[in-house]
């Protein structure tokens, strides 16, 4: 359980680090940031992984281990972020891939690969 919490925190902090770097750091070769080049709407895209990893972190913190809701939520978040990586494989995926892998490991440790059964 402790490893799961540490991994979830690491994924969340990674999402924040990538989001802040892409917002304020030089993302393009001419020194422009992602927001300067593409507009403010990019902030919504950058906030999405932060929000998802934060929800996973809260699920681990506040939902009892072994509960169906926790397993389903962690798997949903991990698979949504995998889909985001697939959709942005050319640009953003490489930066968020470590976070996605860690959240997949968290989902596997919490819920395994077994089907979720409703009680």
N, C-alpha and C. Protein backbone atom coordinates (compact mmCIF):
# COMPACT_ATOMS: atom_id res chain seq x y z
N UNK A 1 0.82 -1.20 0.00
CA UNK A 1 0.00 0.00 0.00
C UNK A 1 0.86 1.26 0.00
N UNK A 2 1.93 1.26 0.74
CA UNK A 2 2.79 2.43 0.81
C UNK A 2 3.41 2.72 -0.55
N UNK A 3 3.83 1.68 -1.27
CA UNK A 3 4.40 1.86 -2.61
C UNK A 3 3.37 2.47 -3.56
N UNK A 4 2.13 2.07 -3.41
CA UNK A 4 1.07 2.62 -4.25
C UNK A 4 0.89 4.11 -4.01
N UNK A 5 0.92 4.52 -2.75
CA UNK A 5 0.79 5.95 -2.44
C UNK A 5 1.97 6.74 -2.97
N UNK A 6 3.16 6.20 -2.81
CA UNK A 6 4.35 6.89 -3.31
C UNK A 6 4.30 7.01 -4.83
N UNK A 7 3.90 5.94 -5.50
CA UNK A 7 3.80 5.97 -6.96
C UNK A 7 2.75 6.96 -7.43
N UNK A 8 1.61 7.02 -6.73
CA UNK A 8 0.57 7.97 -7.11
C UNK A 8 1.04 9.42 -6.90
N UNK A 9 1.75 9.66 -5.79
CA UNK A 9 2.31 10.99 -5.57
C UNK A 9 3.33 11.34 -6.64
N UNK A 10 4.17 10.38 -7.00
CA UNK A 10 5.19 10.63 -8.04
C UNK A 10 4.53 10.96 -9.37
N UNK A 11 3.48 10.25 -9.73
CA UNK A 11 2.77 10.52 -10.97
C UNK A 11 2.14 11.91 -10.95
N UNK A 12 1.55 12.28 -9.83
CA UNK A 12 0.92 13.59 -9.72
C UNK A 12 1.95 14.72 -9.79
N UNK A 13 3.05 14.56 -9.09
CA UNK A 13 4.10 15.57 -9.15
C UNK A 13 4.72 15.66 -10.54
N UNK A 14 4.84 14.53 -11.22
CA UNK A 14 5.35 14.53 -12.59
C UNK A 14 4.40 15.31 -13.50
N UNK A 15 3.10 15.11 -13.34
CA UNK A 15 2.12 15.84 -14.15
C UNK A 15 2.24 17.34 -13.92
N UNK A 16 2.42 17.74 -12.66
CA UNK A 16 2.60 19.16 -12.37
C UNK A 16 3.89 19.70 -12.99
N UNK A 17 4.97 18.95 -12.87
CA UNK A 17 6.25 19.40 -13.42
C UNK A 17 6.17 19.57 -14.93
N UNK A 18 5.59 18.60 -15.61
CA UNK A 18 5.47 18.69 -17.07
C UNK A 18 4.55 19.84 -17.45
N UNK A 19 3.42 19.98 -16.75
CA UNK A 19 2.49 21.06 -17.06
C UNK A 19 3.11 22.44 -16.86
N UNK A 20 3.83 22.62 -15.77
CA UNK A 20 4.48 23.91 -15.53
C UNK A 20 5.60 24.18 -16.53
N UNK A 21 6.37 23.14 -16.87
CA UNK A 21 7.45 23.34 -17.84
C UNK A 21 6.89 23.70 -19.21
N UNK A 22 5.81 23.02 -19.61
CA UNK A 22 5.23 23.33 -20.92
C UNK A 22 4.54 24.69 -20.93
N UNK A 23 4.09 25.16 -19.78
CA UNK A 23 3.45 26.47 -19.70
C UNK A 23 4.47 27.60 -19.72
N UNK A 24 5.54 27.45 -18.94
CA UNK A 24 6.48 28.55 -18.76
C UNK A 24 7.84 28.34 -19.40
N UNK A 25 8.18 27.13 -19.73
CA UNK A 25 9.50 26.83 -20.27
C UNK A 25 9.54 26.91 -21.79
N UNK A 26 10.73 26.99 -22.33
CA UNK A 26 10.87 27.02 -23.80
C UNK A 26 10.57 25.64 -24.39
N UNK A 27 9.46 25.52 -25.06
CA UNK A 27 9.05 24.25 -25.63
C UNK A 27 9.48 24.12 -27.09
N UNK A 28 9.53 25.21 -27.79
CA UNK A 28 9.90 25.21 -29.21
C UNK A 28 11.35 25.68 -29.37
N UNK A 29 11.91 25.39 -30.53
CA UNK A 29 13.32 25.71 -30.77
C UNK A 29 13.60 27.21 -30.78
N UNK A 30 12.59 28.03 -31.05
CA UNK A 30 12.80 29.47 -31.04
C UNK A 30 12.64 30.07 -29.64
N UNK A 31 12.40 29.24 -28.63
CA UNK A 31 12.28 29.70 -27.25
C UNK A 31 10.86 30.00 -26.83
N UNK A 32 9.89 29.80 -27.70
CA UNK A 32 8.50 30.08 -27.36
C UNK A 32 7.93 28.96 -26.48
N UNK A 33 7.03 29.36 -25.59
CA UNK A 33 6.35 28.37 -24.78
C UNK A 33 5.18 27.78 -25.55
N UNK A 34 4.63 26.72 -25.03
CA UNK A 34 3.49 26.07 -25.67
C UNK A 34 2.29 27.00 -25.71
N UNK A 35 2.10 27.79 -24.66
CA UNK A 35 0.97 28.72 -24.59
C UNK A 35 1.18 29.88 -25.57
N UNK A 36 2.39 30.40 -25.66
CA UNK A 36 2.66 31.51 -26.59
C UNK A 36 2.43 31.06 -28.04
N UNK A 37 2.80 29.87 -28.34
CA UNK A 37 2.70 29.38 -29.72
C UNK A 37 1.27 28.99 -30.10
N UNK A 38 0.52 28.40 -29.15
CA UNK A 38 -0.78 27.81 -29.50
C UNK A 38 -1.98 28.50 -28.87
N UNK A 39 -1.79 29.37 -27.91
CA UNK A 39 -2.90 30.05 -27.26
C UNK A 39 -3.22 29.49 -25.89
N UNK A 40 -4.09 30.19 -25.19
CA UNK A 40 -4.39 29.86 -23.80
C UNK A 40 -5.20 28.57 -23.66
N UNK A 41 -5.88 28.12 -24.72
CA UNK A 41 -6.67 26.90 -24.61
C UNK A 41 -5.81 25.68 -24.29
N UNK A 42 -4.51 25.78 -24.57
CA UNK A 42 -3.59 24.68 -24.29
C UNK A 42 -3.53 24.40 -22.78
N UNK A 43 -3.81 25.41 -21.98
CA UNK A 43 -3.80 25.22 -20.53
C UNK A 43 -4.82 24.17 -20.10
N UNK A 44 -5.95 24.11 -20.79
CA UNK A 44 -6.95 23.08 -20.47
C UNK A 44 -6.40 21.68 -20.74
N UNK A 45 -5.67 21.54 -21.83
CA UNK A 45 -5.07 20.25 -22.16
C UNK A 45 -4.00 19.89 -21.14
N UNK A 46 -3.22 20.88 -20.71
CA UNK A 46 -2.17 20.62 -19.73
C UNK A 46 -2.73 20.34 -18.33
N UNK A 47 -3.89 20.88 -18.02
CA UNK A 47 -4.50 20.65 -16.71
C UNK A 47 -5.16 19.28 -16.61
N UNK A 48 -5.53 18.69 -17.73
CA UNK A 48 -6.23 17.41 -17.71
C UNK A 48 -5.41 16.30 -17.04
N UNK A 49 -4.13 16.07 -17.42
CA UNK A 49 -3.37 15.03 -16.72
C UNK A 49 -3.16 15.34 -15.23
N UNK A 50 -3.03 16.62 -14.90
CA UNK A 50 -2.89 16.99 -13.49
C UNK A 50 -4.17 16.64 -12.73
N UNK A 51 -5.31 16.94 -13.31
CA UNK A 51 -6.58 16.62 -12.69
C UNK A 51 -6.76 15.11 -12.54
N UNK A 52 -6.47 14.36 -13.58
CA UNK A 52 -6.64 12.90 -13.54
C UNK A 52 -5.72 12.25 -12.50
N UNK A 53 -4.47 12.66 -12.47
CA UNK A 53 -3.55 12.08 -11.48
C UNK A 53 -3.93 12.51 -10.07
N UNK A 54 -4.48 13.71 -9.93
CA UNK A 54 -4.96 14.16 -8.62
C UNK A 54 -6.17 13.35 -8.15
N UNK A 55 -7.06 13.02 -9.05
CA UNK A 55 -8.21 12.19 -8.70
C UNK A 55 -7.74 10.79 -8.28
N UNK A 56 -6.76 10.25 -9.01
CA UNK A 56 -6.21 8.94 -8.63
C UNK A 56 -5.59 9.00 -7.24
N UNK A 57 -4.89 10.06 -6.97
CA UNK A 57 -4.27 10.23 -5.65
C UNK A 57 -5.33 10.33 -4.55
N UNK A 58 -6.38 11.07 -4.81
CA UNK A 58 -7.47 11.18 -3.83
C UNK A 58 -8.19 9.85 -3.64
N UNK A 59 -8.34 9.10 -4.72
CA UNK A 59 -8.99 7.79 -4.61
C UNK A 59 -8.18 6.87 -3.72
N UNK A 60 -6.87 6.89 -3.87
CA UNK A 60 -6.02 6.05 -3.03
C UNK A 60 -6.07 6.51 -1.58
N UNK A 61 -6.19 7.79 -1.38
CA UNK A 61 -6.18 8.34 -0.02
C UNK A 61 -7.50 8.14 0.71
N UNK A 62 -8.63 8.32 0.01
CA UNK A 62 -9.91 8.38 0.71
C UNK A 62 -10.86 7.21 0.47
N UNK A 63 -10.62 6.39 -0.53
CA UNK A 63 -11.50 5.24 -0.77
C UNK A 63 -10.78 4.00 -0.23
N UNK A 64 -11.49 3.19 0.52
CA UNK A 64 -10.90 2.00 1.13
C UNK A 64 -10.32 1.06 0.09
N UNK A 65 -9.18 0.45 0.43
CA UNK A 65 -8.54 -0.51 -0.46
C UNK A 65 -9.46 -1.71 -0.65
N UNK A 66 -9.49 -2.23 -1.85
CA UNK A 66 -10.31 -3.40 -2.14
C UNK A 66 -11.72 -3.06 -2.58
N UNK A 67 -12.11 -1.81 -2.49
CA UNK A 67 -13.47 -1.43 -2.91
C UNK A 67 -13.54 -1.37 -4.42
N UNK A 68 -14.66 -1.73 -4.95
CA UNK A 68 -14.88 -1.77 -6.39
C UNK A 68 -14.75 -0.38 -6.99
N UNK A 69 -15.24 0.63 -6.31
CA UNK A 69 -15.18 2.00 -6.83
C UNK A 69 -13.74 2.45 -7.02
N UNK A 70 -12.91 2.10 -6.08
CA UNK A 70 -11.49 2.49 -6.16
C UNK A 70 -10.82 1.81 -7.34
N UNK A 71 -11.04 0.53 -7.50
CA UNK A 71 -10.44 -0.21 -8.61
C UNK A 71 -10.92 0.34 -9.94
N UNK A 72 -12.21 0.53 -10.05
CA UNK A 72 -12.78 1.02 -11.31
C UNK A 72 -12.28 2.42 -11.63
N UNK A 73 -12.20 3.28 -10.63
CA UNK A 73 -11.73 4.65 -10.84
C UNK A 73 -10.27 4.68 -11.28
N UNK A 74 -9.42 3.90 -10.62
CA UNK A 74 -8.01 3.87 -10.99
C UNK A 74 -7.80 3.32 -12.39
N UNK A 75 -8.53 2.26 -12.74
CA UNK A 75 -8.41 1.72 -14.09
C UNK A 75 -8.94 2.70 -15.14
N UNK A 76 -10.02 3.37 -14.84
CA UNK A 76 -10.58 4.35 -15.79
C UNK A 76 -9.59 5.48 -16.03
N UNK A 77 -9.02 6.01 -14.97
CA UNK A 77 -8.05 7.10 -15.11
C UNK A 77 -6.84 6.64 -15.91
N UNK A 78 -6.31 5.47 -15.57
CA UNK A 78 -5.13 4.97 -16.29
C UNK A 78 -5.43 4.77 -17.77
N UNK A 79 -6.58 4.22 -18.09
CA UNK A 79 -6.90 3.97 -19.50
C UNK A 79 -7.22 5.25 -20.26
N UNK A 80 -7.83 6.23 -19.59
CA UNK A 80 -8.07 7.53 -20.23
C UNK A 80 -6.74 8.21 -20.55
N UNK A 81 -5.79 8.12 -19.64
CA UNK A 81 -4.48 8.73 -19.89
C UNK A 81 -3.69 7.96 -20.96
N UNK A 82 -3.89 6.66 -21.04
CA UNK A 82 -3.29 5.90 -22.16
C UNK A 82 -3.88 6.39 -23.47
N UNK A 83 -5.19 6.61 -23.51
CA UNK A 83 -5.83 7.13 -24.72
C UNK A 83 -5.30 8.52 -25.06
N UNK A 84 -5.08 9.36 -24.04
CA UNK A 84 -4.49 10.68 -24.29
C UNK A 84 -3.11 10.56 -24.90
N UNK A 85 -2.32 9.62 -24.39
CA UNK A 85 -0.98 9.41 -24.95
C UNK A 85 -1.06 8.93 -26.40
N UNK A 86 -2.00 8.06 -26.68
CA UNK A 86 -2.16 7.58 -28.05
C UNK A 86 -2.59 8.72 -28.96
N UNK A 87 -3.49 9.57 -28.47
CA UNK A 87 -3.98 10.69 -29.28
C UNK A 87 -2.90 11.75 -29.52
N UNK A 88 -1.96 11.90 -28.60
CA UNK A 88 -0.94 12.94 -28.72
C UNK A 88 0.46 12.34 -28.85
N UNK A 89 0.54 11.21 -29.51
CA UNK A 89 1.82 10.50 -29.56
C UNK A 89 2.93 11.30 -30.19
N UNK A 90 2.65 12.23 -31.04
CA UNK A 90 3.70 12.99 -31.71
C UNK A 90 4.23 14.11 -30.82
N UNK A 91 3.37 14.74 -30.04
CA UNK A 91 3.81 15.93 -29.31
C UNK A 91 3.93 15.74 -27.80
N UNK A 92 2.86 15.43 -27.13
CA UNK A 92 2.86 15.45 -25.67
C UNK A 92 3.13 14.11 -25.01
N UNK A 93 2.91 13.04 -25.72
CA UNK A 93 2.96 11.72 -25.11
C UNK A 93 4.30 11.41 -24.46
N UNK A 94 5.37 11.78 -25.09
CA UNK A 94 6.70 11.44 -24.57
C UNK A 94 6.92 12.04 -23.18
N UNK A 95 6.31 13.17 -22.90
CA UNK A 95 6.48 13.83 -21.61
C UNK A 95 5.60 13.21 -20.52
N UNK A 96 4.42 12.73 -20.92
CA UNK A 96 3.49 12.15 -19.96
C UNK A 96 3.59 10.64 -19.86
N UNK A 97 4.35 10.00 -20.70
CA UNK A 97 4.45 8.55 -20.70
C UNK A 97 4.92 7.97 -19.36
N UNK A 98 5.93 8.55 -18.69
CA UNK A 98 6.31 8.00 -17.37
C UNK A 98 5.17 8.05 -16.36
N UNK A 99 4.40 9.12 -16.37
CA UNK A 99 3.26 9.23 -15.46
C UNK A 99 2.21 8.18 -15.77
N UNK A 100 1.94 7.96 -17.04
CA UNK A 100 0.94 6.98 -17.44
C UNK A 100 1.37 5.57 -17.04
N UNK A 101 2.64 5.26 -17.23
CA UNK A 101 3.14 3.94 -16.85
C UNK A 101 3.02 3.74 -15.34
N UNK A 102 3.36 4.76 -14.57
CA UNK A 102 3.26 4.65 -13.11
C UNK A 102 1.81 4.47 -12.69
N UNK A 103 0.88 5.20 -13.30
CA UNK A 103 -0.53 5.05 -12.94
C UNK A 103 -1.07 3.69 -13.37
N UNK A 104 -0.57 3.13 -14.45
CA UNK A 104 -0.94 1.76 -14.82
C UNK A 104 -0.45 0.77 -13.77
N UNK A 105 0.76 0.98 -13.27
CA UNK A 105 1.29 0.11 -12.21
C UNK A 105 0.44 0.25 -10.95
N UNK A 106 0.03 1.47 -10.63
CA UNK A 106 -0.84 1.69 -9.47
C UNK A 106 -2.16 0.94 -9.66
N UNK A 107 -2.75 1.03 -10.84
CA UNK A 107 -4.01 0.34 -11.09
C UNK A 107 -3.84 -1.18 -11.01
N UNK A 108 -2.73 -1.69 -11.51
CA UNK A 108 -2.48 -3.13 -11.44
C UNK A 108 -2.30 -3.57 -9.99
N UNK A 109 -1.55 -2.80 -9.23
CA UNK A 109 -1.32 -3.17 -7.82
C UNK A 109 -2.61 -3.08 -7.00
N UNK A 110 -3.45 -2.14 -7.34
CA UNK A 110 -4.68 -1.97 -6.57
C UNK A 110 -5.78 -2.93 -6.99
N UNK A 111 -5.91 -3.14 -8.29
CA UNK A 111 -7.05 -3.92 -8.74
C UNK A 111 -6.70 -5.14 -9.55
N UNK A 112 -5.44 -5.30 -9.88
CA UNK A 112 -5.06 -6.44 -10.69
C UNK A 112 -5.67 -6.38 -12.07
N UNK A 113 -5.53 -7.43 -12.81
CA UNK A 113 -6.08 -7.49 -14.16
C UNK A 113 -7.40 -8.25 -14.19
N UNK A 114 -7.95 -8.53 -13.03
CA UNK A 114 -9.21 -9.26 -12.98
C UNK A 114 -10.36 -8.31 -13.27
N UNK A 115 -11.44 -8.88 -13.69
CA UNK A 115 -12.63 -8.08 -13.98
C UNK A 115 -13.23 -7.54 -12.70
N UNK A 116 -13.78 -6.37 -12.80
CA UNK A 116 -14.43 -5.76 -11.65
C UNK A 116 -15.85 -6.31 -11.57
N UNK A 117 -16.21 -6.86 -10.41
CA UNK A 117 -17.56 -7.38 -10.21
C UNK A 117 -18.31 -6.47 -9.26
N UNK A 118 -19.54 -6.14 -9.61
CA UNK A 118 -20.37 -5.32 -8.76
C UNK A 118 -21.05 -6.19 -7.73
N UNK A 119 -21.11 -5.74 -6.51
CA UNK A 119 -21.71 -6.53 -5.43
C UNK A 119 -23.11 -6.09 -5.16
